[in-house]
């Protein structure tokens, strides 16, 4: 029945005679004030947007593997992002832990890791051994960016505490050389290496970094960026090269 124009609306209806929509029953755990509501509204699907922080889990695996390597008597050094963490760089660990070992020590190290419950994976690459422990990835690397791990490189490692466990950690200069050598046209993320370079700048032999980086264009571009940002000093011959 239509309302007569100008007549008052019945209780519970709007002025044009329609009833307002009523909210449906609240779903348990999704109403305002619930944990589910907060998770969905504050940050959205954060499980998909933000990766889980693996820092402590990776550190636990790092300490376990280092214990096995020390017991083996084989020379080794912590490398990669966990090495940067050990040197005091506030990086968030997400992927894996990397150790540098000599290729000739692989046959001795691999069965020891397996005996300690570390699953050994046979990768297609011939320059590393992969393992898994508690869901975290482990890489034992024989070559850093195509350069074989040598006794000299391992001797330059510094013994540092990693979450209270002391172990050899690659020297800051060798860390920078390896990271720069890994840059290519397909992988060249200056953003992740810049805070490492800033944090280690006083402990890195930049002349050796330049010498070992050679004429690699990506490494040269990164070093030039560090000069522009006053992270490192320009090359002594820089003015001569840019002069008439």
Protein backbone atom coordinates (compact mmCIF):
# COMPACT_ATOMS: atom_id res chain seq x y z
CA UNK A 1 0.00 0.00 0.00
CA UNK A 2 1.38 3.39 -0.98
CA UNK A 3 1.54 6.20 1.50
CA UNK A 4 -0.59 9.25 0.87
CA UNK A 5 1.56 12.25 -0.03
CA UNK A 6 2.26 14.29 3.06
CA UNK A 7 1.11 11.63 5.55
CA UNK A 8 3.56 10.70 8.33
CA UNK A 9 5.59 7.56 7.83
CA UNK A 10 4.79 4.55 9.96
CA UNK A 11 7.19 3.64 12.73
CA UNK A 12 10.09 1.62 11.39
CA UNK A 13 9.93 3.02 7.87
CA UNK A 14 11.66 5.86 6.08
CA UNK A 15 9.89 8.91 4.74
CA UNK A 16 9.31 7.24 1.38
CA UNK A 17 7.80 4.16 2.98
CA UNK A 18 10.80 1.82 2.75
CA UNK A 19 12.09 -0.15 5.67
CA UNK A 20 15.77 0.38 6.49
CA UNK A 21 18.09 -2.54 5.85
CA UNK A 22 18.83 -4.60 8.92
CA UNK A 23 22.32 -5.96 9.56
CA UNK A 24 22.67 -9.70 9.24
CA UNK A 25 23.89 -11.90 12.08
CA UNK A 26 27.48 -11.27 13.08
CA UNK A 27 29.98 -14.00 12.17
CA UNK A 28 31.84 -15.29 15.20
CA UNK A 29 35.32 -13.83 15.40
CA UNK A 30 34.76 -11.26 12.64
CA UNK A 31 32.79 -8.52 14.36
CA UNK A 32 34.23 -5.19 15.58
CA UNK A 33 36.50 -5.70 18.53
CA UNK A 34 37.34 -9.28 17.62
CA UNK A 35 40.83 -10.49 16.81
CA UNK A 36 39.72 -11.56 13.35
CA UNK A 37 38.30 -8.11 12.62
CA UNK A 38 41.51 -6.41 13.74
CA UNK A 39 43.66 -8.72 11.64
CA UNK A 40 41.57 -8.05 8.54
CA UNK A 41 41.34 -4.28 8.96
CA UNK A 42 44.78 -3.40 10.33
CA UNK A 43 47.18 -4.30 7.58
CA UNK A 44 44.88 -6.47 5.44
CA UNK A 45 46.10 -9.92 4.51
CA UNK A 46 49.33 -9.48 6.35
CA UNK A 47 50.26 -13.16 6.16
CA UNK A 48 50.55 -12.77 2.41
CA UNK A 49 51.94 -9.21 2.38
CA UNK A 50 54.64 -9.59 5.04
CA UNK A 51 56.92 -12.67 5.15
CA UNK A 52 57.43 -14.36 8.47
CA UNK A 53 60.55 -13.31 10.36
CA UNK A 54 62.93 -16.28 10.30
CA UNK A 55 65.76 -14.51 12.10
CA UNK A 56 65.86 -16.56 15.29
CA UNK A 57 65.12 -19.84 13.51
CA UNK A 58 67.99 -19.22 11.08
CA UNK A 59 70.32 -18.26 13.94
CA UNK A 60 69.53 -21.53 15.72
CA UNK A 61 70.35 -23.52 12.59
CA UNK A 62 73.49 -21.44 12.10
CA UNK A 63 74.76 -22.33 15.55
CA UNK A 64 73.98 -26.02 15.07
CA UNK A 65 75.76 -26.28 11.72
CA UNK A 66 78.73 -24.27 12.98
CA UNK A 67 79.08 -26.72 15.86
CA UNK A 68 79.28 -29.63 13.43
CA UNK A 69 81.79 -27.83 11.22
CA UNK A 70 84.00 -26.92 14.18
CA UNK A 71 83.95 -30.53 15.37
CA UNK A 72 84.98 -31.70 11.89
CA UNK A 73 88.23 -29.76 12.06
CA UNK A 74 87.67 -28.38 8.56
CA UNK A 75 88.19 -24.70 7.91
CA UNK A 76 85.03 -22.73 7.21
CA UNK A 77 83.52 -19.26 7.46
CA UNK A 78 80.04 -17.86 7.80
CA UNK A 79 79.10 -15.84 4.70
CA UNK A 80 76.04 -14.14 3.21
CA UNK A 81 73.38 -12.19 5.08
CA UNK A 82 74.02 -13.99 8.38
CA UNK A 83 77.66 -12.88 8.16
CA UNK A 84 76.48 -9.28 7.74
CA UNK A 85 74.29 -9.80 10.81
CA UNK A 86 77.29 -11.12 12.74
CA UNK A 87 79.24 -7.98 11.79
CA UNK A 88 76.53 -5.85 13.39
CA UNK A 89 74.41 -4.95 10.36
CA UNK A 90 70.70 -4.95 11.35
CA UNK A 91 69.46 -7.18 8.53
CA UNK A 92 66.31 -9.28 8.73
CA UNK A 93 67.09 -12.92 8.01
CA UNK A 94 64.56 -14.54 5.69
CA UNK A 95 66.10 -17.07 3.34
CA UNK A 96 68.96 -19.31 4.44
CA UNK A 97 72.37 -19.54 6.08
CA UNK A 98 75.55 -19.80 4.01
CA UNK A 99 78.91 -21.28 4.97
CA UNK A 100 82.05 -21.18 2.84
CA UNK A 101 84.08 -24.39 2.83
CA UNK A 102 86.78 -25.78 0.57
CA UNK A 103 85.64 -28.22 -2.06
CA UNK A 104 88.08 -30.87 -0.84
CA UNK A 105 86.44 -30.87 2.60
CA UNK A 106 82.96 -31.67 1.32
CA UNK A 107 83.31 -35.46 1.60
CA UNK A 108 84.22 -35.17 5.28
CA UNK A 109 81.63 -32.54 6.19
CA UNK A 110 78.57 -33.96 4.41
CA UNK A 111 78.20 -37.26 6.36
CA UNK A 112 78.75 -35.43 9.65
CA UNK A 113 75.88 -33.07 8.91
CA UNK A 114 73.68 -36.01 7.97
CA UNK A 115 74.54 -37.79 11.23
CA UNK A 116 73.31 -34.73 13.13
CA UNK A 117 69.88 -34.85 11.53
CA UNK A 118 70.48 -32.37 8.72
CA UNK A 119 68.82 -33.46 5.48
CA UNK A 120 71.33 -33.29 2.62
CA UNK A 121 69.97 -32.28 -0.78
CA UNK A 122 71.83 -33.00 -4.01
CA UNK A 123 71.50 -29.78 -6.06
CA UNK A 124 72.13 -29.51 -9.81
CA UNK A 125 74.85 -26.93 -9.17
CA UNK A 126 78.37 -28.25 -8.63
CA UNK A 127 79.59 -25.41 -6.41
CA UNK A 128 77.62 -26.06 -3.25
CA UNK A 129 75.89 -28.58 -1.01
CA UNK A 130 72.37 -27.88 0.19
CA UNK A 131 70.77 -29.00 3.41
CA UNK A 132 67.61 -28.50 5.44
CA UNK A 133 67.02 -28.35 9.16
CA UNK A 134 63.73 -27.49 10.87
CA UNK A 135 62.43 -25.97 7.67
CA UNK A 136 65.43 -23.67 7.17
CA UNK A 137 67.81 -23.87 4.21
CA UNK A 138 71.57 -24.41 4.57
CA UNK A 139 74.15 -23.81 1.83
CA UNK A 140 77.74 -25.05 2.03
CA UNK A 141 79.46 -23.08 -0.71
CA UNK A 142 82.69 -24.02 -2.52
CA UNK A 143 82.76 -20.90 -4.74
CA UNK A 144 81.67 -17.33 -4.03
CA UNK A 145 80.37 -15.68 -7.20
CA UNK A 146 82.44 -18.04 -9.33
CA UNK A 147 85.60 -17.73 -7.25
CA UNK A 148 86.71 -20.87 -5.41
CA UNK A 149 86.84 -20.74 -1.64
CA UNK A 150 90.53 -20.79 -0.70
CA UNK A 151 92.51 -21.41 2.45
CA UNK A 152 93.65 -17.78 2.36
CA UNK A 153 90.07 -16.48 2.32
CA UNK A 154 89.14 -18.69 5.28
CA UNK A 155 92.25 -17.60 7.20
CA UNK A 156 91.17 -13.96 6.87
CA UNK A 157 87.88 -14.74 8.61
CA UNK A 158 87.22 -13.10 11.98
CA UNK A 159 85.93 -15.03 14.98
CA UNK A 160 82.72 -13.36 16.12
CA UNK A 161 79.81 -14.28 18.38
CA UNK A 162 76.66 -15.25 16.53
CA UNK A 163 73.82 -15.27 19.02
CA UNK A 164 76.40 -16.09 21.78
CA UNK A 165 78.20 -18.84 19.81
CA UNK A 166 81.64 -17.89 18.44
CA UNK A 167 82.48 -18.91 14.90
CA UNK A 168 84.65 -17.70 11.97
CA UNK A 169 82.89 -15.02 9.89
CA UNK A 170 84.10 -13.86 6.50
CA UNK A 171 86.18 -10.67 6.59
CA UNK A 172 84.21 -7.51 5.70
CA UNK A 173 86.40 -6.87 2.64
CA UNK A 174 85.82 -10.39 1.30
CA UNK A 175 82.12 -10.03 2.05
CA UNK A 176 81.90 -6.89 -0.09
CA UNK A 177 84.01 -8.41 -2.89
CA UNK A 178 81.75 -11.45 -3.05
CA UNK A 179 78.53 -9.44 -2.99
CA UNK A 180 79.73 -7.12 -5.76
CA UNK A 181 80.91 -10.05 -7.88
CA UNK A 182 77.41 -11.53 -7.67
CA UNK A 183 75.83 -8.47 -9.35
CA UNK A 184 74.70 -8.97 -12.92
CA UNK A 185 72.25 -7.52 -15.41
CA UNK A 186 69.65 -9.93 -14.06
CA UNK A 187 70.35 -9.37 -10.36
CA UNK A 188 71.55 -5.97 -9.22
CA UNK A 189 69.85 -4.89 -5.99
CA UNK A 190 71.84 -1.94 -4.67
CA UNK A 191 69.23 -1.35 -1.97
CA UNK A 192 70.10 -4.45 0.04
CA UNK A 193 73.87 -3.91 -0.16
CA UNK A 194 73.91 -0.17 0.58
CA UNK A 195 73.24 -0.49 4.35
CA UNK A 196 75.88 -3.22 4.54
CA UNK A 197 78.44 -0.97 2.86
CA UNK A 198 77.53 1.93 5.17
CA UNK A 199 77.84 -0.21 8.27
CA UNK A 200 81.14 -1.83 7.28
CA UNK A 201 82.82 1.10 5.52
CA UNK A 202 85.52 1.66 8.15
CA UNK A 203 86.42 -2.04 8.23
CA UNK A 204 86.65 -2.62 4.48
CA UNK A 205 89.78 -2.27 2.38
CA UNK A 206 88.10 -0.40 -0.48
CA UNK A 207 91.28 -0.35 -2.58
CA UNK A 208 91.26 -4.15 -2.59
CA UNK A 209 87.54 -4.17 -3.34
CA UNK A 210 88.16 -1.98 -6.39
CA UNK A 211 91.11 -4.08 -7.48
CA UNK A 212 89.28 -7.40 -7.20
CA UNK A 213 86.08 -6.04 -8.72
CA UNK A 214 88.03 -5.26 -11.88
CA UNK A 215 86.01 -3.67 -14.66
CA UNK A 216 82.64 -5.22 -13.74
CA UNK A 217 80.14 -2.50 -14.70
CA UNK A 218 77.63 -3.19 -11.89
CA UNK A 219 80.35 -3.17 -9.24
CA UNK A 220 81.83 0.03 -10.67
CA UNK A 221 78.39 1.68 -10.62
CA UNK A 222 77.84 0.70 -7.00
CA UNK A 223 81.24 1.98 -5.92
CA UNK A 224 80.59 5.25 -7.73
CA UNK A 225 77.26 5.52 -5.89
CA UNK A 226 79.11 5.08 -2.59
CA UNK A 227 81.43 7.93 -3.59
CA UNK A 228 78.50 10.22 -4.41
CA UNK A 229 76.91 9.42 -1.05
CA UNK A 230 80.20 10.12 0.79
CA UNK A 231 80.27 6.56 2.09
CA UNK A 232 83.77 6.04 0.67
CA UNK A 233 86.43 8.38 -0.68
CA UNK A 234 86.79 8.81 -4.45
CA UNK A 235 89.67 7.09 -6.17
CA UNK A 236 92.90 9.08 -5.91
CA UNK A 237 93.06 9.27 -9.70
CA UNK A 238 89.40 10.17 -10.12
CA UNK A 239 90.05 13.84 -10.91
CA UNK A 240 92.66 12.95 -13.51
CA UNK A 241 90.25 10.57 -15.26
CA UNK A 242 87.50 13.20 -15.42
CA UNK A 243 89.81 16.07 -16.49
CA UNK A 244 90.32 17.31 -20.06
